[in-house]
Amino acid sequence: MPAIDRTILVTGATGRQGGAVAARLLADGWGVRALTRDASSAKAEALKESGAEVVEGDLGDRASLDRAAAGAWGVFSVHAGSYEGGPYGHDLGHEERSAANLGAAAKAAGAAHLVHSSSVGVGGPLEPHMDMLQRKAEAERAIAASGVPYTILRPTSFMENTFDSIRELQDGALVSLLHADTYEPHIAADDIAAFAAIAFTDPAAHTGKAYELAGDDITQLEKVAIISRVTGRDVPYVGIDAAAVAAQSPSTAKTLGLINRHRIEVDIDALRAVHPGLLTFEQWMTGIGKPLVEAYFARTDAAR
């Protein structure tokens, strides 16, 4: 068990990944300092009630990061991507600058370890063809250049997004540009948090390593079969063509088209050797993800 006087600065603490990391570290006995741009928000207040110290700061403001990192033993780093349709789609250098700012603040604070969340595909054959992965790679290089010992996490598709994103289930059907037989690896946010906690607990074993995170690797037909079986509902797969997606988001159409042609390789057995509790999609749906699943179908039923 880590020493209670060791504090981890968690960025993105009111978001999905950072929130899961903060919760896991608190449960494991770490001190958590949660970075947010608005310490008065409902999510920030909930973090305070859970035992976290909440501080205001911005990844674009180095001085605020220096204040936030002061005295921190470790740092969890996650950044909003510079992608089309996102809040920083107009600023392709945002993610690299944010990572550099945070890495420099961690170095100045004497942090012992930094865990950085990136994306699956960095360093692989898809990177040269996907702008988003190129931005993620730039951020990874900025973290490596900081001089702070680090571990890189590269999550695949979030299991949570299946039931909490307009890109996935639509009116009770899985509507996707991904082909019926296209494999798509998935990871639960809680398992991202578990890997972060593992790296902080034993940094010597994980320094310099990059983990491409997935707990399951399933086709679209397998995915709807699992959802149907667990919920007792007929959840169909509906394929759509690239033109329909490109009309809304050319980058999304390009990304999904590439995934249809190039399978994302993950080694789930090797990951499970590090984290034996790694969840499959069905385990997530019937366990910690069950409230999200039930909430989705309650909304769907109410809209009909």
Protein backbone atom coordinates (compact mmCIF):
# COMPACT_ATOMS: atom_id res chain seq x y z
CA MET A 1 0.00 0.00 0.00
CA PRO A 2 1.44 3.41 -0.94
CA ALA A 3 2.29 5.90 1.76
CA ILE A 4 -0.66 8.14 2.55
CA ASP A 5 1.58 11.23 2.44
CA ARG A 6 2.40 10.65 -1.24
CA THR A 7 0.26 12.83 -3.47
CA ILE A 8 -0.56 12.33 -7.14
CA LEU A 9 -1.60 15.32 -9.24
CA VAL A 10 -4.41 14.13 -11.52
CA THR A 11 -5.25 16.17 -14.61
CA GLY A 12 -8.64 15.78 -16.27
CA ALA A 13 -9.97 14.83 -12.86
CA THR A 14 -13.55 15.81 -13.67
CA GLY A 15 -13.47 13.78 -16.89
CA ARG A 16 -13.86 10.08 -17.58
CA GLN A 17 -10.24 8.96 -17.41
CA GLY A 18 -8.98 11.39 -14.81
CA GLY A 19 -12.05 10.81 -12.67
CA ALA A 20 -11.53 7.05 -12.74
CA VAL A 21 -7.84 7.48 -11.88
CA ALA A 22 -8.62 9.82 -8.98
CA ALA A 23 -11.17 7.36 -7.58
CA ARG A 24 -8.79 4.41 -7.87
CA LEU A 25 -5.87 6.23 -6.26
CA LEU A 26 -8.04 7.45 -3.37
CA ALA A 27 -9.29 3.89 -2.83
CA ASP A 28 -5.69 2.66 -2.79
CA GLY A 29 -4.68 5.17 -0.12
CA TRP A 30 -2.87 7.80 -2.18
CA GLY A 31 -3.32 11.50 -1.67
CA VAL A 32 -5.00 12.96 -4.75
CA ARG A 33 -4.71 16.55 -5.94
CA ALA A 34 -7.31 17.03 -8.66
CA LEU A 35 -6.65 19.67 -11.30
CA THR A 36 -9.67 21.44 -12.73
CA ARG A 37 -10.40 24.74 -14.42
CA ASP A 38 -13.42 25.29 -12.17
CA ALA A 39 -13.13 24.20 -8.54
CA SER A 40 -16.77 25.19 -7.91
CA SER A 41 -18.29 22.77 -10.43
CA ALA A 42 -20.50 19.91 -9.27
CA LYS A 43 -17.88 17.33 -10.30
CA ALA A 44 -15.16 19.24 -8.46
CA GLU A 45 -17.33 19.38 -5.34
CA ALA A 46 -17.87 15.61 -5.59
CA LEU A 47 -14.11 15.11 -5.74
CA LYS A 48 -13.68 17.18 -2.59
CA GLU A 49 -16.32 15.08 -0.83
CA SER A 50 -14.47 11.90 -1.86
CA GLY A 51 -11.30 13.14 -0.17
CA ALA A 52 -9.38 14.76 -3.01
CA GLU A 53 -7.70 18.14 -2.79
CA VAL A 54 -9.06 20.22 -5.68
CA VAL A 55 -6.93 22.93 -7.27
CA GLU A 56 -7.63 25.22 -10.18
CA GLY A 57 -5.29 25.36 -13.14
CA ASP A 58 -5.04 25.15 -16.89
CA LEU A 59 -2.76 23.01 -19.03
CA GLY A 60 -2.01 26.07 -21.11
CA ASP A 61 -0.86 28.05 -18.08
CA ARG A 62 2.55 26.85 -16.90
CA ALA A 63 2.47 28.95 -13.72
CA SER A 64 -0.78 27.32 -12.60
CA LEU A 65 0.73 23.89 -13.24
CA ASP A 66 3.81 24.74 -11.19
CA ARG A 67 1.54 25.63 -8.28
CA ALA A 68 -0.54 22.49 -8.73
CA ALA A 69 2.48 20.15 -9.00
CA ALA A 70 4.40 21.57 -6.05
CA GLY A 71 5.11 18.74 -3.62
CA ALA A 72 3.42 16.08 -5.77
CA TRP A 73 5.12 12.66 -5.80
CA GLY A 74 3.55 11.72 -9.13
CA VAL A 75 1.45 13.11 -11.99
CA PHE A 76 -1.31 11.59 -14.11
CA SER A 77 -1.42 13.27 -17.51
CA VAL A 78 -4.39 13.22 -19.89
CA HIS A 79 -5.16 15.87 -22.51
CA ALA A 80 -8.05 16.88 -24.74
CA GLY A 81 -7.07 15.95 -28.27
CA SER A 82 -6.55 18.40 -31.12
CA TYR A 83 -9.03 16.73 -33.45
CA GLU A 84 -11.78 17.83 -35.78
CA GLY A 85 -14.91 18.78 -33.87
CA GLY A 86 -13.13 18.88 -30.52
CA PRO A 87 -12.53 21.96 -28.40
CA TYR A 88 -9.00 22.31 -29.78
CA GLY A 89 -9.62 21.32 -33.38
CA HIS A 90 -8.47 24.78 -34.42
CA ASP A 91 -5.14 24.44 -32.60
CA LEU A 92 -3.18 21.37 -33.67
CA GLY A 93 -0.29 22.20 -31.37
CA HIS A 94 -2.41 22.33 -28.22
CA GLU A 95 -1.84 18.76 -27.05
CA GLU A 96 1.92 18.86 -27.49
CA ARG A 97 2.18 22.21 -25.67
CA SER A 98 -0.03 20.99 -22.83
CA ALA A 99 2.06 17.85 -22.39
CA ALA A 100 5.27 19.88 -22.47
CA ASN A 101 3.90 22.31 -19.87
CA LEU A 102 2.83 19.53 -17.55
CA GLY A 103 6.05 17.58 -17.99
CA ALA A 104 8.11 20.67 -17.22
CA ALA A 105 6.03 21.42 -14.11
CA ALA A 106 6.40 17.81 -12.95
CA LYS A 107 10.17 18.00 -13.47
CA ALA A 108 10.44 21.30 -11.59
CA ALA A 109 8.42 19.82 -8.72
CA GLY A 110 10.73 16.80 -8.50
CA ALA A 111 7.97 14.31 -9.30
CA ALA A 112 9.15 10.71 -9.13
CA HIS A 113 6.86 9.33 -11.84
CA LEU A 114 4.44 10.49 -14.53
CA VAL A 115 1.75 8.35 -16.16
CA HIS A 116 0.56 9.74 -19.48
CA SER A 117 -2.59 8.61 -21.27
CA SER A 118 -2.30 8.68 -25.05
CA SER A 119 -4.07 6.52 -27.68
CA VAL A 120 -3.76 3.11 -29.23
CA GLY A 121 -2.11 3.29 -32.63
CA VAL A 122 0.72 5.67 -31.76
CA GLY A 123 3.91 4.19 -33.16
CA GLY A 124 1.96 1.76 -35.34
CA PRO A 125 1.07 1.56 -39.05
CA LEU A 126 -1.99 3.80 -38.67
CA GLU A 127 -0.09 6.79 -37.26
CA PRO A 128 1.16 8.18 -40.61
CA HIS A 129 -2.43 8.18 -41.92
CA MET A 130 -4.27 9.64 -38.90
CA ASP A 131 -3.80 13.24 -37.84
CA MET A 132 -5.10 12.52 -34.33
CA LEU A 133 -2.43 9.87 -33.75
CA GLN A 134 0.27 12.24 -34.99
CA ARG A 135 -0.84 14.80 -32.39
CA LYS A 136 -0.82 12.09 -29.70
CA ALA A 137 2.68 11.05 -30.76
CA GLU A 138 3.87 14.65 -30.42
CA ALA A 139 2.49 14.76 -26.88
CA GLU A 140 4.21 11.48 -26.01
CA ARG A 141 7.52 12.87 -27.23
CA ALA A 142 7.02 15.97 -25.11
CA ILE A 143 6.47 13.80 -22.04
CA ALA A 144 9.58 11.74 -22.81
CA ALA A 145 11.61 14.92 -23.23
CA SER A 146 10.55 16.24 -19.81
CA GLY A 147 13.13 14.14 -18.01
CA VAL A 148 10.57 12.73 -15.56
CA PRO A 149 10.40 8.90 -15.39
CA TYR A 150 7.18 7.96 -17.17
CA THR A 151 4.79 5.24 -18.27
CA ILE A 152 2.58 5.59 -21.35
CA LEU A 153 -0.97 4.19 -21.48
CA ARG A 154 -2.61 3.86 -24.90
CA PRO A 155 -6.31 3.10 -24.45
CA THR A 156 -8.47 1.60 -27.16
CA SER A 157 -12.23 2.33 -27.52
CA PHE A 158 -13.91 3.07 -24.20
CA MET A 159 -16.57 0.57 -23.19
CA GLU A 160 -18.46 3.48 -21.63
CA ASN A 161 -18.81 5.24 -24.98
CA THR A 162 -21.04 2.47 -26.27
CA PHE A 163 -23.79 3.72 -23.96
CA ASP A 164 -22.77 7.35 -23.53
CA SER A 165 -21.96 8.63 -27.00
CA ILE A 166 -24.03 9.52 -30.06
CA ARG A 167 -21.37 7.79 -32.17
CA GLU A 168 -22.33 4.31 -30.99
CA LEU A 169 -25.83 3.13 -30.12
CA GLN A 170 -28.60 5.10 -31.82
CA ASP A 171 -32.21 4.42 -30.90
CA GLY A 172 -31.31 0.98 -29.62
CA ALA A 173 -29.23 -0.08 -32.66
CA LEU A 174 -25.47 -0.15 -33.16
CA VAL A 175 -25.07 2.19 -36.13
CA SER A 176 -21.51 2.15 -37.42
CA LEU A 177 -19.23 2.63 -40.37
CA LEU A 178 -17.18 -0.23 -38.97
CA HIS A 179 -18.03 -3.41 -40.89
CA ALA A 180 -19.94 -6.20 -39.19
CA ASP A 181 -16.79 -8.34 -39.04
CA THR A 182 -14.37 -5.55 -38.08
CA TYR A 183 -12.63 -6.19 -34.78
CA GLU A 184 -12.62 -3.31 -32.31
CA PRO A 185 -10.67 -3.54 -29.04
CA HIS A 186 -12.29 -2.02 -25.94
CA ILE A 187 -11.13 -0.93 -22.48
CA ALA A 188 -13.03 0.12 -19.35
CA ALA A 189 -12.08 3.47 -17.80
CA ASP A 190 -11.64 1.68 -14.47
CA ASP A 191 -9.00 -0.55 -16.06
CA ILE A 192 -7.13 2.47 -17.39
CA ALA A 193 -7.13 3.68 -13.80
CA ALA A 194 -5.92 0.29 -12.59
CA PHE A 195 -2.91 0.42 -14.92
CA ALA A 196 -2.11 3.95 -13.76
CA ALA A 197 -2.23 2.80 -10.12
CA ILE A 198 -0.02 -0.19 -10.92
CA ALA A 199 2.57 2.06 -12.55
CA PHE A 200 2.61 4.48 -9.61
CA THR A 201 2.86 1.65 -7.09
CA ASP A 202 5.86 0.04 -8.79
CA PRO A 203 7.42 2.68 -11.06
CA ALA A 204 10.68 0.80 -11.47
CA ALA A 205 8.85 -2.06 -13.19
CA HIS A 206 6.96 0.20 -15.59
CA THR A 207 9.24 3.14 -16.35
CA GLY A 208 9.68 3.69 -20.06
CA LYS A 209 6.99 1.17 -20.98
CA ALA A 210 3.93 1.75 -23.15
CA TYR A 211 0.78 -0.35 -22.74
CA GLU A 212 -1.85 -0.59 -25.47
CA LEU A 213 -4.89 -1.15 -23.30
CA ALA A 214 -7.77 -3.47 -24.13
CA GLY A 215 -9.85 -5.88 -22.11
CA ASP A 216 -11.75 -7.28 -25.07
CA ASP A 217 -11.38 -7.43 -28.86
CA ILE A 218 -14.70 -8.09 -30.57
CA THR A 219 -16.39 -7.64 -33.93
CA GLN A 220 -19.44 -5.43 -34.32
CA LEU A 221 -21.69 -8.49 -34.60
CA GLU A 222 -20.16 -9.96 -31.46
CA LYS A 223 -20.72 -6.64 -29.73
CA VAL A 224 -24.44 -6.48 -30.50
CA ALA A 225 -24.80 -10.16 -29.55
CA ILE A 226 -23.33 -9.42 -26.11
CA ILE A 227 -25.53 -6.35 -25.63
CA SER A 228 -28.62 -8.30 -26.71
CA ARG A 229 -27.84 -11.25 -24.45
CA VAL A 230 -27.10 -9.14 -21.39
CA THR A 231 -30.10 -6.81 -21.77
CA GLY A 232 -32.62 -9.28 -23.18
CA ARG A 233 -33.26 -6.90 -26.08
CA ASP A 234 -32.85 -7.28 -29.81
CA VAL A 235 -30.05 -4.83 -30.56
CA PRO A 236 -29.28 -4.89 -34.29
CA TYR A 237 -26.13 -3.87 -36.12
CA VAL A 238 -26.77 -1.27 -38.85
CA GLY A 239 -23.93 -0.57 -41.24
CA ILE A 240 -23.66 2.86 -42.86
CA ASP A 241 -21.45 4.05 -45.68
CA ALA A 242 -18.50 6.39 -45.49
CA ALA A 243 -20.28 9.22 -47.31
CA ALA A 244 -22.91 9.47 -44.57
CA VAL A 245 -20.25 9.80 -41.89
CA ALA A 246 -17.98 12.07 -43.93
CA ALA A 247 -20.82 14.58 -44.31
CA GLN A 248 -20.62 15.13 -40.55
CA SER A 249 -16.96 14.40 -39.85
CA PRO A 250 -14.43 13.65 -42.61
CA SER A 251 -11.77 12.68 -40.05
CA THR A 252 -14.08 10.15 -38.38
CA ALA A 253 -14.92 8.59 -41.74
CA LYS A 254 -11.22 8.34 -42.57
CA THR A 255 -10.35 6.84 -39.18
CA LEU A 256 -13.07 4.19 -39.23
CA GLY A 257 -12.30 3.34 -42.84
CA LEU A 258 -8.69 2.69 -41.89
CA ILE A 259 -9.75 0.48 -38.99
CA ASN A 260 -11.92 -1.54 -41.39
CA ARG A 261 -8.81 -2.26 -43.45
CA HIS A 262 -6.17 -2.57 -40.71
CA ARG A 263 -6.89 -4.52 -37.55
CA ILE A 264 -5.62 -2.92 -34.35
CA GLU A 265 -3.37 -5.46 -32.67
CA VAL A 266 -3.59 -5.86 -28.88
CA ASP A 267 -2.11 -8.46 -26.53
CA ILE A 268 -4.80 -8.94 -23.90
CA ASP A 269 -3.11 -11.96 -22.31
CA ALA A 270 0.04 -9.92 -21.64
CA LEU A 271 -2.06 -7.10 -20.17
CA ARG A 272 -3.93 -9.53 -17.93
CA ALA A 273 -0.60 -10.79 -16.58
CA VAL A 274 0.00 -7.23 -15.32
CA HIS A 275 -3.61 -6.64 -14.23
CA PRO A 276 -5.48 -9.92 -13.66
CA GLY A 277 -8.78 -8.12 -13.05
CA LEU A 278 -8.93 -6.76 -16.61
CA LEU A 279 -12.58 -6.68 -17.70
CA THR A 280 -14.17 -8.10 -20.83
CA PHE A 281 -17.02 -6.13 -22.39
CA GLU A 282 -19.62 -8.50 -20.95
CA GLN A 283 -18.05 -8.38 -17.48
CA TRP A 284 -18.10 -4.61 -17.61
CA MET A 285 -21.75 -4.54 -18.75
CA THR A 286 -22.89 -6.83 -15.96
CA GLY A 287 -20.68 -5.21 -13.31
CA ILE A 288 -19.48 -1.65 -12.91
CA GLY A 289 -20.98 -0.58 -16.24
CA LYS A 290 -24.49 -1.83 -15.46
CA PRO A 291 -25.85 1.56 -14.28
CA LEU A 292 -24.70 3.20 -17.53
CA VAL A 293 -26.27 0.42 -19.59
CA GLU A 294 -29.57 0.68 -17.72
CA ALA A 295 -29.60 4.47 -17.98
CA TYR A 296 -29.10 4.30 -21.75
CA PHE A 297 -32.01 1.97 -22.34
CA ALA A 298 -34.21 3.93 -19.92
CA ARG A 299 -33.60 7.02 -22.08
CA THR A 300 -34.28 5.05 -25.24
CA ASP A 301 -37.54 3.67 -23.87
CA ALA A 302 -38.67 7.10 -22.67
CA ALA A 303 -38.08 8.61 -26.12
CA ARG A 304 -40.31 6.09 -27.86
